[in-house]
Amino acid sequence: FLPLLLAVTIVAYTMISESINNSNSLSYQVNHNNYRQAEKLLKSG
């Protein structure tokens, strides 16, 4: 069952990492001095 667990873990990690992109990453927006988008992200939660 270890390869099955590894496959499920890889798929879950890929799905989570794909859902976080540059447009909804607060750290990316702050590091690139886009404070309006960062403030919008903070207000939306």
All heavy atoms as atom14 arrays in JSON, in Angstrom:
{
  "sequence": "FLPLLLAVTIVAYTMISESINNSNSLSYQVNHNNYRQAEKLLKSG",
  "atom14_mask": [
    [1, 1, 1, 1, 1, 1, 1, 1, 1, 1, 1, 0, 0, 0],
    [1, 1, 1, 1, 1, 1, 1, 1, 0, 0, 0, 0, 0, 0],
    [1, 1, 1, 1, 1, 1, 1, 0, 0, 0, 0, 0, 0, 0],
    [1, 1, 1, 1, 1, 1, 1, 1, 0, 0, 0, 0, 0, 0],
    [1, 1, 1, 1, 1, 1, 1, 1, 0, 0, 0, 0, 0, 0],
    [1, 1, 1, 1, 1, 1, 1, 1, 0, 0, 0, 0, 0, 0],
    [1, 1, 1, 1, 1, 0, 0, 0, 0, 0, 0, 0, 0, 0],
    [1, 1, 1, 1, 1, 1, 1, 0, 0, 0, 0, 0, 0, 0],
    [1, 1, 1, 1, 1, 1, 1, 0, 0, 0, 0, 0, 0, 0],
    [1, 1, 1, 1, 1, 1, 1, 1, 0, 0, 0, 0, 0, 0],
    [1, 1, 1, 1, 1, 1, 1, 0, 0, 0, 0, 0, 0, 0],
    [1, 1, 1, 1, 1, 0, 0, 0, 0, 0, 0, 0, 0, 0],
    [1, 1, 1, 1, 1, 1, 1, 1, 1, 1, 1, 1, 0, 0],
    [1, 1, 1, 1, 1, 1, 1, 0, 0, 0, 0, 0, 0, 0],
    [1, 1, 1, 1, 1, 1, 1, 1, 0, 0, 0, 0, 0, 0],
    [1, 1, 1, 1, 1, 1, 1, 1, 0, 0, 0, 0, 0, 0],
    [1, 1, 1, 1, 1, 1, 0, 0, 0, 0, 0, 0, 0, 0],
    [1, 1, 1, 1, 1, 1, 1, 1, 1, 0, 0, 0, 0, 0],
    [1, 1, 1, 1, 1, 1, 0, 0, 0, 0, 0, 0, 0, 0],
    [1, 1, 1, 1, 1, 1, 1, 1, 0, 0, 0, 0, 0, 0],
    [1, 1, 1, 1, 1, 1, 1, 1, 0, 0, 0, 0, 0, 0],
    [1, 1, 1, 1, 1, 1, 1, 1, 0, 0, 0, 0, 0, 0],
    [1, 1, 1, 1, 1, 1, 0, 0, 0, 0, 0, 0, 0, 0],
    [1, 1, 1, 1, 1, 1, 1, 1, 0, 0, 0, 0, 0, 0],
    [1, 1, 1, 1, 1, 1, 0, 0, 0, 0, 0, 0, 0, 0],
    [1, 1, 1, 1, 1, 1, 1, 1, 0, 0, 0, 0, 0, 0],
    [1, 1, 1, 1, 1, 1, 0, 0, 0, 0, 0, 0, 0, 0],
    [1, 1, 1, 1, 1, 1, 1, 1, 1, 1, 1, 1, 0, 0],
    [1, 1, 1, 1, 1, 1, 1, 1, 1, 0, 0, 0, 0, 0],
    [1, 1, 1, 1, 1, 1, 1, 0, 0, 0, 0, 0, 0, 0],
    [1, 1, 1, 1, 1, 1, 1, 1, 0, 0, 0, 0, 0, 0],
    [1, 1, 1, 1, 1, 1, 1, 1, 1, 1, 0, 0, 0, 0],
    [1, 1, 1, 1, 1, 1, 1, 1, 0, 0, 0, 0, 0, 0],
    [1, 1, 1, 1, 1, 1, 1, 1, 0, 0, 0, 0, 0, 0],
    [1, 1, 1, 1, 1, 1, 1, 1, 1, 1, 1, 1, 0, 0],
    [1, 1, 1, 1, 1, 1, 1, 1, 1, 1, 1, 0, 0, 0],
    [1, 1, 1, 1, 1, 1, 1, 1, 1, 0, 0, 0, 0, 0],
    [1, 1, 1, 1, 1, 0, 0, 0, 0, 0, 0, 0, 0, 0],
    [1, 1, 1, 1, 1, 1, 1, 1, 1, 0, 0, 0, 0, 0],
    [1, 1, 1, 1, 1, 1, 1, 1, 1, 0, 0, 0, 0, 0],
    [1, 1, 1, 1, 1, 1, 1, 1, 0, 0, 0, 0, 0, 0],
    [1, 1, 1, 1, 1, 1, 1, 1, 0, 0, 0, 0, 0, 0],
    [1, 1, 1, 1, 1, 1, 1, 1, 1, 0, 0, 0, 0, 0],
    [1, 1, 1, 1, 1, 1, 0, 0, 0, 0, 0, 0, 0, 0],
    [1, 1, 1, 1, 0, 0, 0, 0, 0, 0, 0, 0, 0, 0]
  ],
  "atom14_positions": [
    [[0.8, -1.22, 0.0], [0.0, 0.0, 0.0], [0.84, 1.27, 0.0], [0.31, 2.36, -0.21], [-0.96, 0.02, 1.19], [-2.17, -0.85, 0.99], [-2.53, -1.78, 1.94], [-2.95, -0.72, -0.14], [-3.64, -2.59, 1.76], [-4.06, -1.52, -0.33], [-4.41, -2.45, 0.62], [0.0, 0.0, 0.0], [0.0, 0.0, 0.0], [0.0, 0.0, 0.0]],
    [[2.16, 1.19, 0.22], [3.01, 2.37, 0.23], [3.03, 3.13, -1.1], [2.95, 4.36, -1.11], [4.42, 2.01, 0.67], [4.61, 1.8, 2.17], [6.04, 1.39, 2.47], [4.22, 3.02, 2.95], [0.0, 0.0, 0.0], [0.0, 0.0, 0.0], [0.0, 0.0, 0.0], [0.0, 0.0, 0.0], [0.0, 0.0, 0.0], [0.0, 0.0, 0.0]],
    [[3.13, 2.45, -2.27], [3.07, 3.22, -3.53], [1.73, 3.93, -3.73], [1.7, 5.03, -4.29], [3.29, 2.16, -4.61], [3.98, 1.06, -3.94], [3.49, 1.07, -2.53], [0.0, 0.0, 0.0], [0.0, 0.0, 0.0], [0.0, 0.0, 0.0], [0.0, 0.0, 0.0], [0.0, 0.0, 0.0], [0.0, 0.0, 0.0], [0.0, 0.0, 0.0]],
    [[0.64, 3.34, -3.26], [-0.65, 4.0, -3.38], [-0.69, 5.25, -2.51], [-1.19, 6.3, -2.93], [-1.77, 3.05, -2.97], [-1.96, 1.84, -3.87], [-2.92, 0.86, -3.24], [-2.47, 2.28, -5.21], [0.0, 0.0, 0.0], [0.0, 0.0, 0.0], [0.0, 0.0, 0.0], [0.0, 0.0, 0.0], [0.0, 0.0, 0.0], [0.0, 0.0, 0.0]],
    [[-0.15, 5.16, -1.31], [-0.09, 6.32, -0.43], [0.78, 7.41, -1.03], [0.44, 8.6, -0.97], [0.45, 5.9, 0.94], [0.58, 6.99, 1.99], [-0.8, 7.52, 2.37], [1.31, 6.47, 3.2], [0.0, 0.0, 0.0], [0.0, 0.0, 0.0], [0.0, 0.0, 0.0], [0.0, 0.0, 0.0], [0.0, 0.0, 0.0], [0.0, 0.0, 0.0]],
    [[1.89, 7.02, -1.63], [2.77, 7.99, -2.28], [2.06, 8.67, -3.45], [2.17, 9.89, -3.62], [4.05, 7.3, -2.75], [5.07, 8.17, -3.44], [5.67, 9.16, -2.46], [6.15, 7.32, -4.06], [0.0, 0.0, 0.0], [0.0, 0.0, 0.0], [0.0, 0.0, 0.0], [0.0, 0.0, 0.0], [0.0, 0.0, 0.0], [0.0, 0.0, 0.0]],
    [[1.33, 7.91, -4.24], [0.62, 8.49, -5.39], [-0.46, 9.47, -4.93], [-0.61, 10.56, -5.51], [0.0, 7.38, -6.23], [0.0, 0.0, 0.0], [0.0, 0.0, 0.0], [0.0, 0.0, 0.0], [0.0, 0.0, 0.0], [0.0, 0.0, 0.0], [0.0, 0.0, 0.0], [0.0, 0.0, 0.0], [0.0, 0.0, 0.0], [0.0, 0.0, 0.0]],
    [[-1.2, 9.12, -3.9], [-2.24, 10.02, -3.39], [-1.6, 11.29, -2.82], [-2.11, 12.4, -3.04], [-3.09, 9.3, -2.31], [-3.96, 10.26, -1.54], [-3.93, 8.22, -2.96], [0.0, 0.0, 0.0], [0.0, 0.0, 0.0], [0.0, 0.0, 0.0], [0.0, 0.0, 0.0], [0.0, 0.0, 0.0], [0.0, 0.0, 0.0], [0.0, 0.0, 0.0]],
    [[-0.47, 11.16, -2.14], [0.22, 12.32, -1.59], [0.71, 13.25, -2.69], [0.58, 14.47, -2.59], [1.4, 11.86, -0.72], [0.92, 10.96, 0.29], [2.08, 13.03, -0.05], [0.0, 0.0, 0.0], [0.0, 0.0, 0.0], [0.0, 0.0, 0.0], [0.0, 0.0, 0.0], [0.0, 0.0, 0.0], [0.0, 0.0, 0.0], [0.0, 0.0, 0.0]],
    [[1.28, 12.69, -3.75], [1.77, 13.5, -4.86], [0.62, 14.22, -5.55], [0.73, 15.41, -5.88], [2.57, 12.63, -5.85], [3.9, 12.21, -5.23], [2.8, 13.35, -7.16], [4.66, 11.21, -6.04], [0.0, 0.0, 0.0], [0.0, 0.0, 0.0], [0.0, 0.0, 0.0], [0.0, 0.0, 0.0], [0.0, 0.0, 0.0], [0.0, 0.0, 0.0]],
    [[-0.49, 13.55, -5.77], [-1.64, 14.18, -6.42], [-2.21, 15.3, -5.54], [-2.52, 16.39, -6.04], [-2.72, 13.13, -6.75], [-4.03, 13.78, -7.13], [-2.23, 12.22, -7.86], [0.0, 0.0, 0.0], [0.0, 0.0, 0.0], [0.0, 0.0, 0.0], [0.0, 0.0, 0.0], [0.0, 0.0, 0.0], [0.0, 0.0, 0.0], [0.0, 0.0, 0.0]],
    [[-2.31, 15.07, -4.24], [-2.82, 16.11, -3.34], [-1.89, 17.31, -3.3], [-2.34, 18.46, -3.34], [-3.01, 15.53, -1.93], [0.0, 0.0, 0.0], [0.0, 0.0, 0.0], [0.0, 0.0, 0.0], [0.0, 0.0, 0.0], [0.0, 0.0, 0.0], [0.0, 0.0, 0.0], [0.0, 0.0, 0.0], [0.0, 0.0, 0.0], [0.0, 0.0, 0.0]],
    [[-0.58, 17.06, -3.24], [0.38, 18.16, -3.23], [0.3, 18.97, -4.53], [0.35, 20.19, -4.5], [1.8, 17.63, -3.03], [2.85, 18.69, -3.13], [3.06, 19.57, -2.08], [3.62, 18.84, -4.28], [4.01, 20.57, -2.16], [4.57, 19.84, -4.37], [4.77, 20.7, -3.31], [5.71, 21.67, -3.41], [0.0, 0.0, 0.0], [0.0, 0.0, 0.0]],
    [[0.16, 18.29, -5.65], [0.06, 18.98, -6.93], [-1.19, 19.82, -7.01], [-1.16, 20.97, -7.49], [0.09, 17.95, -8.08], [1.25, 17.15, -7.96], [0.07, 18.62, -9.42], [0.0, 0.0, 0.0], [0.0, 0.0, 0.0], [0.0, 0.0, 0.0], [0.0, 0.0, 0.0], [0.0, 0.0, 0.0], [0.0, 0.0, 0.0], [0.0, 0.0, 0.0]],
    [[-2.31, 19.3, -6.54], [-3.56, 20.06, -6.57], [-3.48, 21.3, -5.68], [-3.94, 22.38, -6.07], [-4.72, 19.18, -6.15], [-5.07, 18.11, -7.17], [-6.35, 16.99, -6.6], [-7.73, 18.08, -6.44], [0.0, 0.0, 0.0], [0.0, 0.0, 0.0], [0.0, 0.0, 0.0], [0.0, 0.0, 0.0], [0.0, 0.0, 0.0], [0.0, 0.0, 0.0]],
    [[-2.87, 21.17, -4.5], [-2.75, 22.31, -3.6], [-1.8, 23.34, -4.17], [-2.07, 24.55, -4.13], [-2.31, 21.84, -2.2], [-3.43, 21.05, -1.54], [-1.9, 23.01, -1.33], [-3.03, 20.36, -0.26], [0.0, 0.0, 0.0], [0.0, 0.0, 0.0], [0.0, 0.0, 0.0], [0.0, 0.0, 0.0], [0.0, 0.0, 0.0], [0.0, 0.0, 0.0]],
    [[-0.68, 22.9, -4.72], [0.29, 23.86, -5.25], [-0.24, 24.56, -6.51], [0.11, 25.71, -6.76], [1.62, 23.18, -5.55], [1.48, 22.25, -6.59], [0.0, 0.0, 0.0], [0.0, 0.0, 0.0], [0.0, 0.0, 0.0], [0.0, 0.0, 0.0], [0.0, 0.0, 0.0], [0.0, 0.0, 0.0], [0.0, 0.0, 0.0], [0.0, 0.0, 0.0]],
    [[-1.09, 23.89, -7.28], [-1.67, 24.53, -8.45], [-2.75, 25.54, -8.08], [-3.0, 26.49, -8.81], [-2.27, 23.49, -9.39], [-1.24, 22.7, -10.16], [-0.46, 23.55, -11.13], [-1.07, 24.44, -11.77], [0.74, 23.33, -11.24], [0.0, 0.0, 0.0], [0.0, 0.0, 0.0], [0.0, 0.0, 0.0], [0.0, 0.0, 0.0], [0.0, 0.0, 0.0]],
    [[-3.39, 25.34, -6.93], [-4.44, 26.28, -6.53], [-3.86, 27.59, -6.01], [-4.55, 28.6, -5.98], [-5.34, 25.65, -5.47], [-4.62, 25.48, -4.27], [0.0, 0.0, 0.0], [0.0, 0.0, 0.0], [0.0, 0.0, 0.0], [0.0, 0.0, 0.0], [0.0, 0.0, 0.0], [0.0, 0.0, 0.0], [0.0, 0.0, 0.0], [0.0, 0.0, 0.0]],
    [[-2.6, 27.57, -5.58], [-1.94, 28.8, -5.13], [-1.11, 29.32, -6.29], [-0.09, 28.75, -6.65], [-1.04, 28.53, -3.91], [-1.87, 27.98, -2.76], [-0.31, 29.79, -3.5], [-1.06, 27.51, -1.6], [0.0, 0.0, 0.0], [0.0, 0.0, 0.0], [0.0, 0.0, 0.0], [0.0, 0.0, 0.0], [0.0, 0.0, 0.0], [0.0, 0.0, 0.0]],
    [[-1.54, 30.42, -6.87], [-0.8, 31.03, -7.97], [-0.39, 32.44, -7.58], [-0.62, 32.88, -6.46], [-1.6, 30.99, -9.27], [-2.95, 31.64, -9.12], [-3.18, 32.4, -8.2], [-3.84, 31.33, -10.05], [0.0, 0.0, 0.0], [0.0, 0.0, 0.0], [0.0, 0.0, 0.0], [0.0, 0.0, 0.0], [0.0, 0.0, 0.0], [0.0, 0.0, 0.0]],
    [[0.21, 33.17, -8.5], [0.73, 34.49, -8.17], [-0.36, 35.51, -7.9], [-0.14, 36.46, -7.17], [1.63, 34.99, -9.3], [2.87, 34.16, -9.41], [3.27, 33.51, -8.46], [3.51, 34.19, -10.58], [0.0, 0.0, 0.0], [0.0, 0.0, 0.0], [0.0, 0.0, 0.0], [0.0, 0.0, 0.0], [0.0, 0.0, 0.0], [0.0, 0.0, 0.0]],
    [[-1.53, 35.33, -8.47], [-2.58, 36.33, -8.28], [-3.23, 36.24, -6.9], [-3.78, 37.21, -6.41], [-3.65, 36.2, -9.35], [-4.32, 34.97, -9.23], [0.0, 0.0, 0.0], [0.0, 0.0, 0.0], [0.0, 0.0, 0.0], [0.0, 0.0, 0.0], [0.0, 0.0, 0.0], [0.0, 0.0, 0.0], [0.0, 0.0, 0.0], [0.0, 0.0, 0.0]],
    [[-3.17, 35.09, -6.25], [-3.77, 34.98, -4.93], [-2.75, 34.66, -3.84], [-3.09, 34.15, -2.79], [-4.91, 33.96, -4.92], [-4.44, 32.57, -5.26], [-3.27, 32.33, -5.46], [-5.38, 31.65, -5.33], [0.0, 0.0, 0.0], [0.0, 0.0, 0.0], [0.0, 0.0, 0.0], [0.0, 0.0, 0.0], [0.0, 0.0, 0.0], [0.0, 0.0, 0.0]],
    [[-1.5, 34.98, -4.08], [-0.44, 34.77, -3.1], [-0.08, 36.12, -2.47], [0.42, 37.02, -3.14], [0.79, 34.14, -3.74], [1.83, 34.08, -2.8], [0.0, 0.0, 0.0], [0.0, 0.0, 0.0], [0.0, 0.0, 0.0], [0.0, 0.0, 0.0], [0.0, 0.0, 0.0], [0.0, 0.0, 0.0], [0.0, 0.0, 0.0], [0.0, 0.0, 0.0]],
    [[-0.33, 36.25, -1.19], [-0.06, 37.5, -0.49], [1.43, 37.8, -0.45], [1.85, 38.95, -0.68], [-0.64, 37.44, 0.92], [-0.48, 38.68, 1.78], [-1.23, 39.85, 1.15], [-0.96, 38.42, 3.18], [0.0, 0.0, 0.0], [0.0, 0.0, 0.0], [0.0, 0.0, 0.0], [0.0, 0.0, 0.0], [0.0, 0.0, 0.0], [0.0, 0.0, 0.0]],
    [[2.24, 36.81, -0.2], [3.69, 37.05, -0.13], [4.25, 37.49, -1.48], [5.13, 38.35, -1.55], [4.41, 35.8, 0.36], [4.22, 34.74, -0.53], [0.0, 0.0, 0.0], [0.0, 0.0, 0.0], [0.0, 0.0, 0.0], [0.0, 0.0, 0.0], [0.0, 0.0, 0.0], [0.0, 0.0, 0.0], [0.0, 0.0, 0.0], [0.0, 0.0, 0.0]],
    [[3.74, 36.92, -2.56], [4.2, 37.32, -3.89], [3.85, 38.78, -4.17], [4.66, 39.54, -4.7], [3.58, 36.41, -4.96], [3.96, 36.77, -6.37], [5.17, 36.35, -6.91], [3.12, 37.54, -7.17], [5.53, 36.69, -8.2], [3.48, 37.88, -8.46], [4.69, 37.45, -8.97], [5.05, 37.79, -10.24], [0.0, 0.0, 0.0], [0.0, 0.0, 0.0]],
    [[2.63, 39.18, -3.81], [2.19, 40.56, -4.07], [2.98, 41.57, -3.25], [3.34, 42.64, -3.74], [0.69, 40.7, -3.78], [-0.2, 39.83, -4.64], [-0.05, 40.1, -6.12], [0.29, 41.19, -6.55], [-0.32, 39.08, -6.92], [0.0, 0.0, 0.0], [0.0, 0.0, 0.0], [0.0, 0.0, 0.0], [0.0, 0.0, 0.0], [0.0, 0.0, 0.0]],
    [[3.28, 41.24, -1.99], [4.05, 42.16, -1.15], [5.49, 42.25, -1.63], [6.07, 43.34, -1.67], [3.97, 41.72, 0.33], [4.92, 42.53, 1.2], [2.55, 41.85, 0.85], [0.0, 0.0, 0.0], [0.0, 0.0, 0.0], [0.0, 0.0, 0.0], [0.0, 0.0, 0.0], [0.0, 0.0, 0.0], [0.0, 0.0, 0.0], [0.0, 0.0, 0.0]],
    [[6.09, 41.13, -2.02], [7.47, 41.14, -2.49], [7.64, 41.91, -3.8], [8.71, 42.43, -4.08], [8.01, 39.73, -2.65], [8.3, 39.07, -1.32], [8.57, 39.75, -0.34], [8.21, 37.75, -1.3], [0.0, 0.0, 0.0], [0.0, 0.0, 0.0], [0.0, 0.0, 0.0], [0.0, 0.0, 0.0], [0.0, 0.0, 0.0], [0.0, 0.0, 0.0]],
    [[6.6, 42.0, -4.6], [6.67, 42.7, -5.87], [6.03, 44.09, -5.79], [5.67, 44.68, -6.82], [6.03, 41.87, -6.99], [6.86, 40.69, -7.37], [6.79, 39.5, -6.69], [7.81, 40.54, -8.32], [7.65, 38.65, -7.22], [8.29, 39.26, -8.22], [0.0, 0.0, 0.0], [0.0, 0.0, 0.0], [0.0, 0.0, 0.0], [0.0, 0.0, 0.0]],
    [[5.88, 44.6, -4.57], [5.4, 45.96, -4.3], [4.03, 46.24, -4.92], [3.75, 47.36, -5.33], [6.41, 47.01, -4.78], [7.72, 46.89, -4.04], [7.73, 46.56, -2.86], [8.81, 47.15, -4.74], [0.0, 0.0, 0.0], [0.0, 0.0, 0.0], [0.0, 0.0, 0.0], [0.0, 0.0, 0.0], [0.0, 0.0, 0.0], [0.0, 0.0, 0.0]],
    [[3.19, 45.25, -4.98], [1.82, 45.42, -5.48], [0.9, 45.46, -4.26], [0.21, 44.5, -3.94], [1.46, 44.28, -6.42], [0.19, 44.57, -7.18], [-0.46, 45.59, -6.96], [-0.16, 43.66, -8.07], [0.0, 0.0, 0.0], [0.0, 0.0, 0.0], [0.0, 0.0, 0.0], [0.0, 0.0, 0.0], [0.0, 0.0, 0.0], [0.0, 0.0, 0.0]],
    [[0.89, 46.62, -3.6], [0.19, 46.73, -2.32], [-1.32, 46.79, -2.49], [-2.05, 46.39, -1.59], [0.7, 47.95, -1.55], [2.16, 47.81, -1.18], [3.12, 48.64, -1.74], [2.57, 46.83, -0.29], [4.46, 48.51, -1.41], [3.91, 46.69, 0.04], [4.85, 47.52, -0.53], [6.15, 47.37, -0.2], [0.0, 0.0, 0.0], [0.0, 0.0, 0.0]],
    [[-1.8, 47.26, -3.62], [-3.25, 47.28, -3.85], [-3.81, 45.87, -3.92], [-4.85, 45.58, -3.32], [-3.57, 48.04, -5.14], [-3.37, 49.51, -5.02], [-3.77, 50.2, -6.28], [-3.47, 51.63, -6.15], [-3.27, 52.43, -7.16], [-3.38, 51.97, -8.4], [-3.01, 53.69, -6.97], [0.0, 0.0, 0.0], [0.0, 0.0, 0.0], [0.0, 0.0, 0.0]],
    [[-3.12, 45.01, -4.65], [-3.57, 43.6, -4.75], [-3.43, 42.91, -3.38], [-4.26, 42.1, -3.01], [-2.77, 42.86, -5.82], [-3.2, 41.44, -6.04], [-4.58, 41.32, -6.63], [-5.11, 42.23, -7.25], [-5.19, 40.17, -6.45], [0.0, 0.0, 0.0], [0.0, 0.0, 0.0], [0.0, 0.0, 0.0], [0.0, 0.0, 0.0], [0.0, 0.0, 0.0]],
    [[-2.37, 43.23, -2.64], [-2.18, 42.64, -1.31], [-3.27, 43.06, -0.37], [-3.81, 42.26, 0.41], [-0.81, 43.01, -0.76], [0.0, 0.0, 0.0], [0.0, 0.0, 0.0], [0.0, 0.0, 0.0], [0.0, 0.0, 0.0], [0.0, 0.0, 0.0], [0.0, 0.0, 0.0], [0.0, 0.0, 0.0], [0.0, 0.0, 0.0], [0.0, 0.0, 0.0]],
    [[-3.66, 44.36, -0.43], [-4.73, 44.84, 0.41], [-6.06, 44.19, 0.03], [-6.88, 43.82, 0.9], [-4.84, 46.36, 0.29], [-5.83, 46.98, 1.23], [-5.86, 48.5, 1.1], [-4.93, 49.07, 0.52], [-6.84, 49.09, 1.59], [0.0, 0.0, 0.0], [0.0, 0.0, 0.0], [0.0, 0.0, 0.0], [0.0, 0.0, 0.0], [0.0, 0.0, 0.0]],
    [[-6.27, 43.98, -1.26], [-7.49, 43.33, -1.74], [-7.55, 41.88, -1.24], [-8.61, 41.39, -0.84], [-7.51, 43.37, -3.27], [-8.74, 42.83, -3.9], [-8.64, 42.96, -5.42], [-9.76, 42.25, -6.1], [-9.63, 42.29, -7.57], [0.0, 0.0, 0.0], [0.0, 0.0, 0.0], [0.0, 0.0, 0.0], [0.0, 0.0, 0.0], [0.0, 0.0, 0.0]],
    [[-6.39, 41.21, -1.24], [-6.34, 39.83, -0.75], [-6.61, 39.77, 0.75], [-7.29, 38.87, 1.24], [-4.98, 39.19, -1.05], [-4.72, 38.79, -2.49], [-3.27, 38.38, -2.68], [-5.64, 37.64, -2.87], [0.0, 0.0, 0.0], [0.0, 0.0, 0.0], [0.0, 0.0, 0.0], [0.0, 0.0, 0.0], [0.0, 0.0, 0.0], [0.0, 0.0, 0.0]],
    [[-6.09, 40.74, 1.49], [-6.34, 40.78, 2.94], [-7.8, 41.05, 3.25], [-8.36, 40.46, 4.21], [-5.45, 41.84, 3.59], [-3.97, 41.47, 3.72], [-3.19, 42.67, 4.2], [-3.81, 40.3, 4.66], [0.0, 0.0, 0.0], [0.0, 0.0, 0.0], [0.0, 0.0, 0.0], [0.0, 0.0, 0.0], [0.0, 0.0, 0.0], [0.0, 0.0, 0.0]],
    [[-8.44, 41.89, 2.48], [-9.86, 42.18, 2.72], [-10.74, 40.98, 2.38], [-11.74, 40.74, 3.04], [-10.29, 43.41, 1.91], [-9.8, 44.71, 2.49], [-10.29, 45.87, 1.67], [-9.79, 47.19, 2.26], [-10.2, 48.34, 1.44], [0.0, 0.0, 0.0], [0.0, 0.0, 0.0], [0.0, 0.0, 0.0], [0.0, 0.0, 0.0], [0.0, 0.0, 0.0]],
    [[-10.35, 40.24, 1.32], [-11.18, 39.1, 0.92], [-10.96, 37.89, 1.8], [-11.73, 36.95, 1.77], [-10.9, 38.75, -0.54], [-9.58, 38.23, -0.68], [0.0, 0.0, 0.0], [0.0, 0.0, 0.0], [0.0, 0.0, 0.0], [0.0, 0.0, 0.0], [0.0, 0.0, 0.0], [0.0, 0.0, 0.0], [0.0, 0.0, 0.0], [0.0, 0.0, 0.0]],
    [[-9.91, 37.89, 2.56], [-9.68, 36.79, 3.49], [-8.65, 35.88, 2.95], [-8.34, 34.83, 3.25], [0.0, 0.0, 0.0], [0.0, 0.0, 0.0], [0.0, 0.0, 0.0], [0.0, 0.0, 0.0], [0.0, 0.0, 0.0], [0.0, 0.0, 0.0], [0.0, 0.0, 0.0], [0.0, 0.0, 0.0], [0.0, 0.0, 0.0], [0.0, 0.0, 0.0]]
  ]
}
